[in-house]
């Protein structure tokens, strides 16, 4: 069951739930304008403290500049959705 969580400095609704033994945080940034998607992602990446934590973000485009910014500490997988949006999953290295 997804629950809304409060994340300091986040401006979007952040949800948390468990799935297949993973602790997942997620938000939808498809309706946002820069820099809001990047700012919220960076704030939420701090939530990833264990190997089972993940952050899933839905973007309206693939966030290439964000990958460069967080690449040293986090890995990501990206999936293009039928809508043309991208679902990106981050985890701590």
C-alpha atoms as a PDB file:
ATOM      1  CA  UNK A   1       0.000   0.000   0.000  1.00  0.00           C
ATOM      2  CA  UNK A   2       1.449   3.355  -1.024  1.00  0.00           C
ATOM      3  CA  UNK A   3       1.656   6.023   1.623  1.00  0.00           C
ATOM      4  CA  UNK A   4       2.420   9.705   1.252  1.00  0.00           C
ATOM      5  CA  UNK A   5       5.615  10.665   3.077  1.00  0.00           C
ATOM      6  CA  UNK A   6       6.981  14.033   4.095  1.00  0.00           C
ATOM      7  CA  UNK A   7      10.428  14.772   2.687  1.00  0.00           C
ATOM      8  CA  UNK A   8      12.043  18.055   3.742  1.00  0.00           C
ATOM      9  CA  UNK A   9      12.671  20.392   0.776  1.00  0.00           C
ATOM     10  CA  UNK A  10      10.594  18.238  -1.632  1.00  0.00           C
ATOM     11  CA  UNK A  11       7.934  20.136  -3.559  1.00  0.00           C
ATOM     12  CA  UNK A  12       6.147  17.101  -5.041  1.00  0.00           C
ATOM     13  CA  UNK A  13       4.119  14.300  -3.465  1.00  0.00           C
ATOM     14  CA  UNK A  14       6.499  11.486  -2.509  1.00  0.00           C
ATOM     15  CA  UNK A  15       5.103   7.998  -1.935  1.00  0.00           C
ATOM     16  CA  UNK A  16       6.644   5.003  -0.213  1.00  0.00           C
ATOM     17  CA  UNK A  17       5.750   1.295  -0.443  1.00  0.00           C
ATOM     18  CA  UNK A  18       7.289  -2.172  -0.368  1.00  0.00           C
ATOM     19  CA  UNK A  19       7.405  -4.450  -3.391  1.00  0.00           C
ATOM     20  CA  UNK A  20       9.294  -7.738  -3.813  1.00  0.00           C
ATOM     21  CA  UNK A  21      11.386  -7.052  -0.725  1.00  0.00           C
ATOM     22  CA  UNK A  22      12.379  -3.565  -1.891  1.00  0.00           C
ATOM     23  CA  UNK A  23      11.600  -0.281  -0.142  1.00  0.00           C
ATOM     24  CA  UNK A  24      10.466   2.038  -2.953  1.00  0.00           C
ATOM     25  CA  UNK A  25      10.042   5.803  -2.941  1.00  0.00           C
ATOM     26  CA  UNK A  26       8.400   7.342  -5.979  1.00  0.00           C
ATOM     27  CA  UNK A  27       7.126  10.548  -7.485  1.00  0.00           C
ATOM     28  CA  UNK A  28       5.844  11.805 -10.818  1.00  0.00           C
ATOM     29  CA  UNK A  29       7.721  14.744 -12.354  1.00  0.00           C
ATOM     30  CA  UNK A  30       6.038  14.680 -15.769  1.00  0.00           C
ATOM     31  CA  UNK A  31       4.076  17.877 -15.155  1.00  0.00           C
ATOM     32  CA  UNK A  32       7.005  19.849 -13.715  1.00  0.00           C
ATOM     33  CA  UNK A  33       9.302  22.428 -15.223  1.00  0.00           C
ATOM     34  CA  UNK A  34      13.055  22.523 -14.632  1.00  0.00           C
ATOM     35  CA  UNK A  35      14.669  22.609 -12.148  1.00  0.00           C
ATOM     36  CA  UNK A  36      11.891  21.026 -10.040  1.00  0.00           C
ATOM     37  CA  UNK A  37      12.398  17.409 -11.250  1.00  0.00           C
ATOM     38  CA  UNK A  38      16.152  17.529 -10.585  1.00  0.00           C
ATOM     39  CA  UNK A  39      15.794  19.253  -7.208  1.00  0.00           C
ATOM     40  CA  UNK A  40      13.207  16.743  -5.989  1.00  0.00           C
ATOM     41  CA  UNK A  41      15.274  13.803  -7.220  1.00  0.00           C
ATOM     42  CA  UNK A  42      18.410  15.015  -5.453  1.00  0.00           C
ATOM     43  CA  UNK A  43      16.473  15.590  -2.223  1.00  0.00           C
ATOM     44  CA  UNK A  44      14.870  12.135  -2.417  1.00  0.00           C
ATOM     45  CA  UNK A  45      18.103  10.319  -3.216  1.00  0.00           C
ATOM     46  CA  UNK A  46      19.094  11.006   0.391  1.00  0.00           C
ATOM     47  CA  UNK A  47      16.313   8.590   1.405  1.00  0.00           C
ATOM     48  CA  UNK A  48      18.250   5.684  -0.116  1.00  0.00           C
ATOM     49  CA  UNK A  49      20.206   4.348   2.843  1.00  0.00           C
ATOM     50  CA  UNK A  50      20.162   0.547   2.408  1.00  0.00           C
ATOM     51  CA  UNK A  51      20.784  -1.842  -0.515  1.00  0.00           C
ATOM     52  CA  UNK A  52      17.013  -2.493  -0.659  1.00  0.00           C
ATOM     53  CA  UNK A  53      16.009   1.176  -1.098  1.00  0.00           C
ATOM     54  CA  UNK A  54      14.995   2.453  -4.532  1.00  0.00           C
ATOM     55  CA  UNK A  55      13.770   5.764  -5.942  1.00  0.00           C
ATOM     56  CA  UNK A  56      11.475   5.575  -8.986  1.00  0.00           C
ATOM     57  CA  UNK A  57      10.763   8.792 -10.827  1.00  0.00           C
ATOM     58  CA  UNK A  58       8.583   9.343 -13.871  1.00  0.00           C
ATOM     59  CA  UNK A  59      10.062  12.053 -16.129  1.00  0.00           C
ATOM     60  CA  UNK A  60       8.710  13.586 -19.352  1.00  0.00           C
ATOM     61  CA  UNK A  61      12.144  13.030 -20.957  1.00  0.00           C
ATOM     62  CA  UNK A  62      15.275  11.090 -20.087  1.00  0.00           C
ATOM     63  CA  UNK A  63      17.135  13.235 -17.515  1.00  0.00           C
ATOM     64  CA  UNK A  64      20.681  13.043 -18.922  1.00  0.00           C
ATOM     65  CA  UNK A  65      22.064  16.028 -16.917  1.00  0.00           C
ATOM     66  CA  UNK A  66      20.785  14.406 -13.722  1.00  0.00           C
ATOM     67  CA  UNK A  67      22.694  11.191 -14.470  1.00  0.00           C
ATOM     68  CA  UNK A  68      25.937  13.155 -14.670  1.00  0.00           C
ATOM     69  CA  UNK A  69      25.209  14.892 -11.396  1.00  0.00           C
ATOM     70  CA  UNK A  70      24.501  11.763  -9.330  1.00  0.00           C
ATOM     71  CA  UNK A  71      26.628   9.224 -11.175  1.00  0.00           C
ATOM     72  CA  UNK A  72      29.330   8.779  -8.544  1.00  0.00           C
ATOM     73  CA  UNK A  73      27.001   7.748  -5.737  1.00  0.00           C
ATOM     74  CA  UNK A  74      24.001   6.174  -7.501  1.00  0.00           C
ATOM     75  CA  UNK A  75      23.227   3.838 -10.380  1.00  0.00           C
ATOM     76  CA  UNK A  76      20.092   4.046 -12.488  1.00  0.00           C
ATOM     77  CA  UNK A  77      18.002   2.088 -14.954  1.00  0.00           C
ATOM     78  CA  UNK A  78      15.742   3.809 -17.432  1.00  0.00           C
ATOM     79  CA  UNK A  79      12.665   2.539 -19.221  1.00  0.00           C
ATOM     80  CA  UNK A  80      10.771   4.415 -21.922  1.00  0.00           C
ATOM     81  CA  UNK A  81       7.034   4.044 -21.379  1.00  0.00           C
ATOM     82  CA  UNK A  82       4.360   3.786 -24.080  1.00  0.00           C
ATOM     83  CA  UNK A  83       3.389   7.382 -23.293  1.00  0.00           C
ATOM     84  CA  UNK A  84       6.903   8.563 -24.236  1.00  0.00           C
ATOM     85  CA  UNK A  85       7.695   9.343 -20.602  1.00  0.00           C
ATOM     86  CA  UNK A  86      10.623   7.676 -18.836  1.00  0.00           C
ATOM     87  CA  UNK A  87      10.574   5.679 -15.617  1.00  0.00           C
ATOM     88  CA  UNK A  88      13.981   5.913 -13.955  1.00  0.00           C
ATOM     89  CA  UNK A  89      14.948   3.802 -10.954  1.00  0.00           C
ATOM     90  CA  UNK A  90      17.873   4.910  -8.787  1.00  0.00           C
ATOM     91  CA  UNK A  91      19.800   2.936  -6.183  1.00  0.00           C
ATOM     92  CA  UNK A  92      22.868   3.672  -4.092  1.00  0.00           C
ATOM     93  CA  UNK A  93      26.159   2.213  -5.370  1.00  0.00           C
END
